[in-house]
Each structure stands twice: as C-alpha cells, then as structure tokens.
Amino acid sequence: MKFRKDRDILRLSSGALLLIIACGIMLGFTPDYSYFGIGFALLLMGIVAIVAIVVAAITPEEYLIQDERSAKVEEKAGYHAFCSLLLMMALLQAIGCIWGLNFNFKDVVPDLFIVGIWSWIMLRWYYNRRGDAR
C-alpha cells in the first residue's frame, strides 16, 4: 500500500494533528473540565480528519480527478438542490404568513440545511443513474 506524501496531504494531516493537540491542551489545562464539549468535538474532528486523510492518501491521484460528466452531474444536482431549498423556504414563509404561525427561521435553518444536503445527495444519485446531464 503506497501513501502519497505531497504538499496537500501533509498540510491537511498537520491541521488534523493541530486539532488533536488543541483538544489535549483544552482538556488538560482547563480546570474542572469546563470546556469538555468543545475539547471532545475537537478530538472527534481530528480523528475523522485523520481517517479521511489516510483514505485520500491511499487512493491514487488519478482516481480523484473528476471527468466532465461527473462534474456536470454534481453541478446540476447542486443547482436543483439550491432551487428546491429556496422554494421550500418561500413555502414556509408563505405558510407562516397565511396561517399566522410565529416561527423563527433560526429554529428552522438546521432542518433546512439537512434537507438541502440530502436533496443534493439524492439528486446527484438520480442524475448519475439517469445517465445524461444536459
């Protein structure tokens, strides 16, 4: 198994190690673990980043280059996911105005973010299966 050691892999791995070191500093030198949640999140982000970097370093570089068709599929899926997200926000605003619902968009934004990501994933899968990305 051959690992790539180019500049990008080394830069990303040093960033992941910095996240883990920041976690150690935060958990080791703060009294009574007042920042335990932030330190644990930094540790989790560092571990996930290292796993992703190792997977990226193992795969050959020519596998990471997108061809024209896959780039068009992702672009089209992104445009349509963004348009569906805007439509969903407009519908929520219209429903809130018509029926007098007093909801704050701060409460709805995380759910809309998750719906937007899932719609992008599903549209990308659909356009990839359909075969043409005009």
C-alpha atoms as a PDB file:
ATOM      1  CA  MET A   1       0.000   0.000   0.000  1.00  0.00           C
ATOM      2  CA  LYS A   2       1.574   3.235  -1.144  1.00  0.00           C
ATOM      3  CA  PHE A   3       0.927   6.526   0.655  1.00  0.00           C
ATOM      4  CA  ARG A   4       1.095   9.822  -1.158  1.00  0.00           C
ATOM      5  CA  LYS A   5       3.199  12.418   0.641  1.00  0.00           C
ATOM      6  CA  ASP A   6       2.529  15.528  -1.390  1.00  0.00           C
ATOM      7  CA  ARG A   7       2.075  19.017  -0.006  1.00  0.00           C
ATOM      8  CA  ASP A   8      -1.714  18.867   0.319  1.00  0.00           C
ATOM      9  CA  ILE A   9      -1.736  15.605   2.290  1.00  0.00           C
ATOM     10  CA  LEU A  10       0.962  16.870   4.668  1.00  0.00           C
ATOM     11  CA  ARG A  11      -0.814  20.192   5.171  1.00  0.00           C
ATOM     12  CA  LEU A  12      -4.136  18.544   5.957  1.00  0.00           C
ATOM     13  CA  SER A  13      -2.548  16.000   8.286  1.00  0.00           C
ATOM     14  CA  SER A  14      -0.767  18.762  10.198  1.00  0.00           C
ATOM     15  CA  GLY A  15      -4.110  20.544  10.574  1.00  0.00           C
ATOM     16  CA  ALA A  16      -5.697  17.369  11.940  1.00  0.00           C
ATOM     17  CA  LEU A  17      -2.846  16.926  14.388  1.00  0.00           C
ATOM     18  CA  LEU A  18      -3.260  20.541  15.495  1.00  0.00           C
ATOM     19  CA  LEU A  19      -6.920  19.807  16.254  1.00  0.00           C
ATOM     20  CA  ILE A  20      -5.934  16.866  18.447  1.00  0.00           C
ATOM     21  CA  ILE A  21      -3.224  18.907  20.200  1.00  0.00           C
ATOM     22  CA  ALA A  22      -5.732  21.715  20.833  1.00  0.00           C
ATOM     23  CA  CYS A  23      -8.072  19.118  22.327  1.00  0.00           C
ATOM     24  CA  GLY A  24      -5.318  17.879  24.626  1.00  0.00           C
ATOM     25  CA  ILE A  25      -4.472  21.404  25.720  1.00  0.00           C
ATOM     26  CA  MET A  26      -8.108  22.274  26.256  1.00  0.00           C
ATOM     27  CA  LEU A  27      -8.891  19.159  28.273  1.00  0.00           C
ATOM     28  CA  GLY A  28      -5.564  19.036  30.106  1.00  0.00           C
ATOM     29  CA  PHE A  29      -5.118  22.605  31.250  1.00  0.00           C
ATOM     30  CA  THR A  30      -8.626  23.841  31.909  1.00  0.00           C
ATOM     31  CA  PRO A  31      -9.907  23.403  35.442  1.00  0.00           C
ATOM     32  CA  ASP A  32     -12.865  21.123  36.191  1.00  0.00           C
ATOM     33  CA  TYR A  33     -13.386  20.250  32.514  1.00  0.00           C
ATOM     34  CA  SER A  34     -15.376  23.394  31.788  1.00  0.00           C
ATOM     35  CA  TYR A  35     -14.683  23.038  28.069  1.00  0.00           C
ATOM     36  CA  PHE A  36     -15.227  19.298  27.820  1.00  0.00           C
ATOM     37  CA  GLY A  37     -17.771  19.514  24.970  1.00  0.00           C
ATOM     38  CA  ILE A  38     -15.536  21.701  22.818  1.00  0.00           C
ATOM     39  CA  GLY A  39     -12.491  19.532  23.531  1.00  0.00           C
ATOM     40  CA  PHE A  40     -14.369  16.356  22.696  1.00  0.00           C
ATOM     41  CA  ALA A  41     -15.639  17.921  19.463  1.00  0.00           C
ATOM     42  CA  LEU A  42     -12.062  18.895  18.521  1.00  0.00           C
ATOM     43  CA  LEU A  43     -10.883  15.351  19.235  1.00  0.00           C
ATOM     44  CA  LEU A  44     -13.675  13.858  17.133  1.00  0.00           C
ATOM     45  CA  MET A  45     -12.972  16.271  14.254  1.00  0.00           C
ATOM     46  CA  GLY A  46      -9.259  15.436  14.396  1.00  0.00           C
ATOM     47  CA  ILE A  47      -9.860  11.679  14.321  1.00  0.00           C
ATOM     48  CA  VAL A  48     -12.339  11.929  11.435  1.00  0.00           C
ATOM     49  CA  ALA A  49      -9.926  14.205   9.538  1.00  0.00           C
ATOM     50  CA  ILE A  50      -7.045  11.745  10.008  1.00  0.00           C
ATOM     51  CA  VAL A  51      -9.164   8.850   8.744  1.00  0.00           C
ATOM     52  CA  ALA A  52     -10.253  10.887   5.703  1.00  0.00           C
ATOM     53  CA  ILE A  53      -6.649  11.938   5.019  1.00  0.00           C
ATOM     54  CA  VAL A  54      -5.398   8.349   5.209  1.00  0.00           C
ATOM     55  CA  VAL A  55      -8.120   7.242   2.778  1.00  0.00           C
ATOM     56  CA  ALA A  56      -7.224  10.113   0.433  1.00  0.00           C
ATOM     57  CA  ALA A  57      -3.503   9.316   0.719  1.00  0.00           C
ATOM     58  CA  ILE A  58      -4.060   5.654  -0.157  1.00  0.00           C
ATOM     59  CA  THR A  59      -6.121   6.298  -3.289  1.00  0.00           C
ATOM     60  CA  PRO A  60      -4.125   7.111  -6.423  1.00  0.00           C
ATOM     61  CA  GLU A  61      -4.236  10.705  -7.562  1.00  0.00           C
ATOM     62  CA  GLU A  62      -5.782   9.909 -10.937  1.00  0.00           C
ATOM     63  CA  TYR A  63      -8.864   8.476  -9.178  1.00  0.00           C
ATOM     64  CA  LEU A  64      -9.536  11.847  -7.533  1.00  0.00           C
ATOM     65  CA  ILE A  65      -9.755  13.794 -10.796  1.00  0.00           C
ATOM     66  CA  GLN A  66     -13.350  14.227 -11.968  1.00  0.00           C
ATOM     67  CA  ASP A  67     -14.324  13.696 -15.536  1.00  0.00           C
ATOM     68  CA  GLU A  68     -16.578  16.102 -17.394  1.00  0.00           C
ATOM     69  CA  ARG A  69     -19.740  14.052 -16.911  1.00  0.00           C
ATOM     70  CA  SER A  70     -19.444  13.734 -13.135  1.00  0.00           C
ATOM     71  CA  ALA A  71     -18.654  17.426 -12.809  1.00  0.00           C
ATOM     72  CA  LYS A  72     -21.816  18.268 -14.776  1.00  0.00           C
ATOM     73  CA  VAL A  73     -23.874  15.864 -12.663  1.00  0.00           C
ATOM     74  CA  GLU A  74     -22.696  17.487  -9.434  1.00  0.00           C
ATOM     75  CA  GLU A  75     -23.234  20.980 -10.824  1.00  0.00           C
ATOM     76  CA  LYS A  76     -26.768  20.212 -11.985  1.00  0.00           C
ATOM     77  CA  ALA A  77     -27.638  18.482  -8.699  1.00  0.00           C
ATOM     78  CA  GLY A  78     -26.298  21.451  -6.756  1.00  0.00           C
ATOM     79  CA  TYR A  79     -28.337  23.943  -8.758  1.00  0.00           C
ATOM     80  CA  HIS A  80     -31.523  21.954  -8.377  1.00  0.00           C
ATOM     81  CA  ALA A  81     -30.948  21.318  -4.657  1.00  0.00           C
ATOM     82  CA  PHE A  82     -30.414  25.053  -4.136  1.00  0.00           C
ATOM     83  CA  CYS A  83     -33.577  25.906  -6.071  1.00  0.00           C
ATOM     84  CA  SER A  84     -35.605  23.344  -4.116  1.00  0.00           C
ATOM     85  CA  LEU A  85     -34.220  24.766  -0.866  1.00  0.00           C
ATOM     86  CA  LEU A  86     -35.239  28.292  -1.897  1.00  0.00           C
ATOM     87  CA  LEU A  87     -38.688  27.038  -2.862  1.00  0.00           C
ATOM     88  CA  MET A  88     -39.040  25.301   0.488  1.00  0.00           C
ATOM     89  CA  MET A  89     -38.061  28.479   2.353  1.00  0.00           C
ATOM     90  CA  ALA A  90     -40.569  30.507   0.320  1.00  0.00           C
ATOM     91  CA  LEU A  91     -43.319  27.982   1.078  1.00  0.00           C
ATOM     92  CA  LEU A  92     -42.516  28.055   4.778  1.00  0.00           C
ATOM     93  CA  GLN A  93     -42.639  31.841   4.753  1.00  0.00           C
ATOM     94  CA  ALA A  94     -45.971  31.842   2.887  1.00  0.00           C
ATOM     95  CA  ILE A  95     -47.482  29.257   5.237  1.00  0.00           C
ATOM     96  CA  GLY A  96     -46.274  31.275   8.208  1.00  0.00           C
ATOM     97  CA  CYS A  97     -47.826  34.467   6.838  1.00  0.00           C
ATOM     98  CA  ILE A  98     -51.147  32.907   5.808  1.00  0.00           C
ATOM     99  CA  TRP A  99     -51.857  30.916   8.954  1.00  0.00           C
ATOM    100  CA  GLY A 100     -50.204  33.332  11.351  1.00  0.00           C
ATOM    101  CA  LEU A 101     -47.557  30.945  12.622  1.00  0.00           C
ATOM    102  CA  ASN A 102     -44.878  32.656  14.649  1.00  0.00           C
ATOM    103  CA  PHE A 103     -41.832  30.530  13.967  1.00  0.00           C
ATOM    104  CA  ASN A 104     -38.351  31.908  13.793  1.00  0.00           C
ATOM    105  CA  PHE A 105     -36.082  30.993  10.908  1.00  0.00           C
ATOM    106  CA  LYS A 106     -33.272  30.398  13.414  1.00  0.00           C
ATOM    107  CA  ASP A 107     -35.183  27.338  14.569  1.00  0.00           C
ATOM    108  CA  VAL A 108     -35.810  26.076  11.029  1.00  0.00           C
ATOM    109  CA  VAL A 109     -32.373  26.659   9.463  1.00  0.00           C
ATOM    110  CA  PRO A 110     -30.664  23.468  10.778  1.00  0.00           C
ATOM    111  CA  ASP A 111     -33.513  21.336   9.462  1.00  0.00           C
ATOM    112  CA  LEU A 112     -33.411  23.124   6.102  1.00  0.00           C
ATOM    113  CA  PHE A 113     -29.652  22.592   5.964  1.00  0.00           C
ATOM    114  CA  ILE A 114     -30.068  18.850   6.456  1.00  0.00           C
ATOM    115  CA  VAL A 115     -32.875  18.713   3.885  1.00  0.00           C
ATOM    116  CA  GLY A 116     -30.711  20.629   1.387  1.00  0.00           C
ATOM    117  CA  ILE A 117     -27.781  18.254   1.827  1.00  0.00           C
ATOM    118  CA  TRP A 118     -29.978  15.177   1.456  1.00  0.00           C
ATOM    119  CA  SER A 119     -31.694  16.606  -1.611  1.00  0.00           C
ATOM    120  CA  TRP A 120     -28.275  17.275  -3.176  1.00  0.00           C
ATOM    121  CA  ILE A 121     -27.181  13.689  -2.438  1.00  0.00           C
ATOM    122  CA  MET A 122     -30.389  12.199  -3.845  1.00  0.00           C
ATOM    123  CA  LEU A 123     -30.369  14.426  -6.936  1.00  0.00           C
ATOM    124  CA  ARG A 124     -26.720  13.591  -7.582  1.00  0.00           C
ATOM    125  CA  TRP A 125     -27.531   9.880  -7.351  1.00  0.00           C
ATOM    126  CA  TYR A 126     -30.567  10.318  -9.632  1.00  0.00           C
ATOM    127  CA  TYR A 127     -28.708  12.282 -12.309  1.00  0.00           C
ATOM    128  CA  ASN A 128     -25.824   9.831 -12.168  1.00  0.00           C
ATOM    129  CA  ARG A 129     -28.205   6.884 -12.669  1.00  0.00           C
ATOM    130  CA  ARG A 130     -30.185   8.622 -15.390  1.00  0.00           C
ATOM    131  CA  GLY A 131     -27.081   8.936 -17.490  1.00  0.00           C
ATOM    132  CA  ASP A 132     -27.413  12.288 -19.192  1.00  0.00           C
ATOM    133  CA  ALA A 133     -26.515  15.578 -17.571  1.00  0.00           C
ATOM    134  CA  ARG A 134     -27.549  18.206 -20.049  1.00  0.00           C
END
